[in-house]
Amino acid sequence: MVGENGKNVVVTDIRMPFWSMVVFMVKWAIAAIPAPVILTGIWWITVALFGGMGMMVGMGR
């Protein structure tokens, strides 16, 4: 990574207590749960729209 002054920056260690890390990871996992739900909803809406368009085109024949 490049810092503000244009020099390279390398992170070599993060000091974090074990239980704080556990709490952080549990919160992270809980926060990730809505993502597949939202993506599935977007997928079904897309499929419904394109499926509906396909049916409309098919009926025109």
N, C-alpha and C. Protein backbone atom coordinates (compact mmCIF):
# COMPACT_ATOMS: atom_id res chain seq x y z
N MET A 1 0.84 -1.18 0.00
CA MET A 1 0.00 0.00 0.00
C MET A 1 0.89 1.24 0.00
N VAL A 2 0.36 2.31 -0.50
CA VAL A 2 1.12 3.55 -0.55
C VAL A 2 0.50 4.53 0.44
N GLY A 3 1.32 5.08 1.32
CA GLY A 3 0.85 6.03 2.33
C GLY A 3 0.63 7.41 1.74
N GLU A 4 0.30 8.36 2.62
CA GLU A 4 0.01 9.72 2.19
C GLU A 4 1.21 10.41 1.55
N ASN A 5 2.39 10.11 2.06
CA ASN A 5 3.58 10.79 1.56
C ASN A 5 4.22 10.03 0.39
N GLY A 6 3.54 9.02 -0.14
CA GLY A 6 4.04 8.29 -1.29
C GLY A 6 4.97 7.14 -0.95
N LYS A 7 5.20 6.88 0.32
CA LYS A 7 6.07 5.79 0.71
C LYS A 7 5.26 4.52 0.94
N ASN A 8 5.87 3.37 0.76
CA ASN A 8 5.19 2.10 0.99
C ASN A 8 4.97 1.88 2.48
N VAL A 9 3.83 1.28 2.80
CA VAL A 9 3.48 0.97 4.17
C VAL A 9 3.18 -0.53 4.26
N VAL A 10 3.79 -1.21 5.24
CA VAL A 10 3.55 -2.63 5.44
C VAL A 10 3.09 -2.84 6.87
N VAL A 11 1.91 -3.47 7.04
CA VAL A 11 1.41 -3.78 8.37
C VAL A 11 1.96 -5.15 8.76
N THR A 12 2.69 -5.19 9.86
CA THR A 12 3.33 -6.45 10.26
C THR A 12 2.64 -7.11 11.45
N ASP A 13 1.86 -6.36 12.23
CA ASP A 13 1.24 -6.94 13.40
C ASP A 13 0.03 -6.12 13.80
N ILE A 14 -1.00 -6.81 14.27
CA ILE A 14 -2.18 -6.15 14.84
C ILE A 14 -2.34 -6.73 16.24
N ARG A 15 -2.25 -5.90 17.23
CA ARG A 15 -2.39 -6.37 18.61
C ARG A 15 -3.85 -6.18 19.04
N MET A 16 -4.51 -7.31 19.25
CA MET A 16 -5.92 -7.28 19.65
C MET A 16 -6.15 -8.45 20.59
N PRO A 17 -6.78 -8.20 21.74
CA PRO A 17 -7.04 -9.29 22.68
C PRO A 17 -7.91 -10.38 22.04
N PHE A 18 -7.70 -11.63 22.48
CA PHE A 18 -8.37 -12.78 21.88
C PHE A 18 -9.89 -12.63 21.91
N TRP A 19 -10.47 -12.30 23.06
CA TRP A 19 -11.93 -12.24 23.15
C TRP A 19 -12.50 -11.07 22.36
N SER A 20 -11.75 -9.99 22.25
CA SER A 20 -12.21 -8.90 21.39
C SER A 20 -12.26 -9.36 19.94
N MET A 21 -11.28 -10.17 19.54
CA MET A 21 -11.26 -10.72 18.19
C MET A 21 -12.46 -11.66 17.97
N VAL A 22 -12.77 -12.48 19.00
CA VAL A 22 -13.92 -13.41 18.89
C VAL A 22 -15.21 -12.62 18.74
N VAL A 23 -15.40 -11.59 19.56
CA VAL A 23 -16.61 -10.76 19.47
C VAL A 23 -16.69 -10.10 18.10
N PHE A 24 -15.58 -9.58 17.62
CA PHE A 24 -15.54 -8.95 16.30
C PHE A 24 -15.95 -9.92 15.21
N MET A 25 -15.42 -11.16 15.26
CA MET A 25 -15.72 -12.15 14.22
C MET A 25 -17.18 -12.61 14.29
N VAL A 26 -17.74 -12.72 15.50
CA VAL A 26 -19.16 -13.08 15.62
C VAL A 26 -20.04 -11.98 15.04
N LYS A 27 -19.72 -10.73 15.35
CA LYS A 27 -20.48 -9.60 14.79
C LYS A 27 -20.36 -9.58 13.26
N TRP A 28 -19.18 -9.87 12.76
CA TRP A 28 -18.94 -9.91 11.33
C TRP A 28 -19.79 -10.99 10.67
N ALA A 29 -19.85 -12.17 11.29
CA ALA A 29 -20.65 -13.28 10.76
C ALA A 29 -22.14 -12.93 10.76
N ILE A 30 -22.60 -12.31 11.85
CA ILE A 30 -24.02 -11.93 11.92
C ILE A 30 -24.34 -10.85 10.87
N ALA A 31 -23.44 -9.92 10.67
CA ALA A 31 -23.65 -8.87 9.68
C ALA A 31 -23.66 -9.43 8.26
N ALA A 32 -23.01 -10.57 8.03
CA ALA A 32 -22.94 -11.15 6.69
C ALA A 32 -24.20 -11.92 6.33
N ILE A 33 -25.05 -12.24 7.29
CA ILE A 33 -26.25 -13.04 7.02
C ILE A 33 -27.21 -12.35 6.03
N PRO A 34 -27.49 -11.07 6.13
CA PRO A 34 -28.44 -10.45 5.19
C PRO A 34 -27.96 -10.42 3.74
N ALA A 35 -26.66 -10.50 3.50
CA ALA A 35 -26.15 -10.39 2.14
C ALA A 35 -26.72 -11.46 1.20
N PRO A 36 -26.68 -12.76 1.55
CA PRO A 36 -27.26 -13.75 0.64
C PRO A 36 -28.77 -13.59 0.47
N VAL A 37 -29.45 -13.12 1.53
CA VAL A 37 -30.89 -12.89 1.43
C VAL A 37 -31.17 -11.80 0.40
N ILE A 38 -30.42 -10.71 0.49
CA ILE A 38 -30.60 -9.60 -0.45
C ILE A 38 -30.24 -10.03 -1.87
N LEU A 39 -29.13 -10.75 -2.04
CA LEU A 39 -28.73 -11.21 -3.37
C LEU A 39 -29.75 -12.18 -3.95
N THR A 40 -30.31 -13.05 -3.11
CA THR A 40 -31.35 -13.97 -3.59
C THR A 40 -32.58 -13.20 -4.06
N GLY A 41 -32.97 -12.19 -3.31
CA GLY A 41 -34.10 -11.36 -3.72
C GLY A 41 -33.86 -10.66 -5.04
N ILE A 42 -32.66 -10.12 -5.21
CA ILE A 42 -32.31 -9.47 -6.48
C ILE A 42 -32.34 -10.48 -7.62
N TRP A 43 -31.84 -11.70 -7.35
CA TRP A 43 -31.83 -12.76 -8.37
C TRP A 43 -33.26 -13.10 -8.80
N TRP A 44 -34.17 -13.29 -7.83
CA TRP A 44 -35.54 -13.66 -8.17
C TRP A 44 -36.26 -12.54 -8.92
N ILE A 45 -36.01 -11.29 -8.56
CA ILE A 45 -36.61 -10.17 -9.29
C ILE A 45 -36.11 -10.15 -10.72
N THR A 46 -34.81 -10.37 -10.91
CA THR A 46 -34.23 -10.39 -12.26
C THR A 46 -34.81 -11.52 -13.08
N VAL A 47 -34.89 -12.71 -12.49
CA VAL A 47 -35.46 -13.86 -13.19
C VAL A 47 -36.92 -13.60 -13.55
N ALA A 48 -37.68 -13.01 -12.63
CA ALA A 48 -39.08 -12.73 -12.90
C ALA A 48 -39.23 -11.72 -14.04
N LEU A 49 -38.39 -10.69 -14.04
CA LEU A 49 -38.49 -9.69 -15.11
C LEU A 49 -38.14 -10.28 -16.47
N PHE A 50 -37.03 -11.00 -16.54
CA PHE A 50 -36.63 -11.57 -17.82
C PHE A 50 -37.57 -12.69 -18.25
N GLY A 51 -38.08 -13.46 -17.29
CA GLY A 51 -39.05 -14.50 -17.62
C GLY A 51 -40.34 -13.90 -18.15
N GLY A 52 -40.77 -12.82 -17.52
CA GLY A 52 -41.97 -12.13 -17.99
C GLY A 52 -41.78 -11.55 -19.38
N MET A 53 -40.62 -10.99 -19.64
CA MET A 53 -40.35 -10.46 -20.98
C MET A 53 -40.34 -11.59 -22.01
N GLY A 54 -39.78 -12.74 -21.61
CA GLY A 54 -39.74 -13.88 -22.53
C GLY A 54 -41.14 -14.38 -22.84
N MET A 55 -42.03 -14.39 -21.86
CA MET A 55 -43.40 -14.83 -22.09
C MET A 55 -44.14 -13.84 -22.99
N MET A 56 -43.86 -12.54 -22.79
CA MET A 56 -44.53 -11.53 -23.62
C MET A 56 -44.08 -11.67 -25.06
N VAL A 57 -42.80 -11.92 -25.29
CA VAL A 57 -42.28 -12.08 -26.65
C VAL A 57 -42.89 -13.35 -27.26
N GLY A 58 -42.98 -14.42 -26.48
CA GLY A 58 -43.54 -15.69 -26.96
C GLY A 58 -45.00 -15.59 -27.32
N MET A 59 -45.75 -14.76 -26.60
CA MET A 59 -47.18 -14.62 -26.89
C MET A 59 -47.44 -13.82 -28.16
N GLY A 60 -46.48 -13.02 -28.56
CA GLY A 60 -46.64 -12.20 -29.75
C GLY A 60 -46.58 -12.98 -31.05
N ARG A 61 -46.18 -14.25 -31.00
CA ARG A 61 -46.06 -15.04 -32.23
C ARG A 61 -47.36 -15.54 -32.70
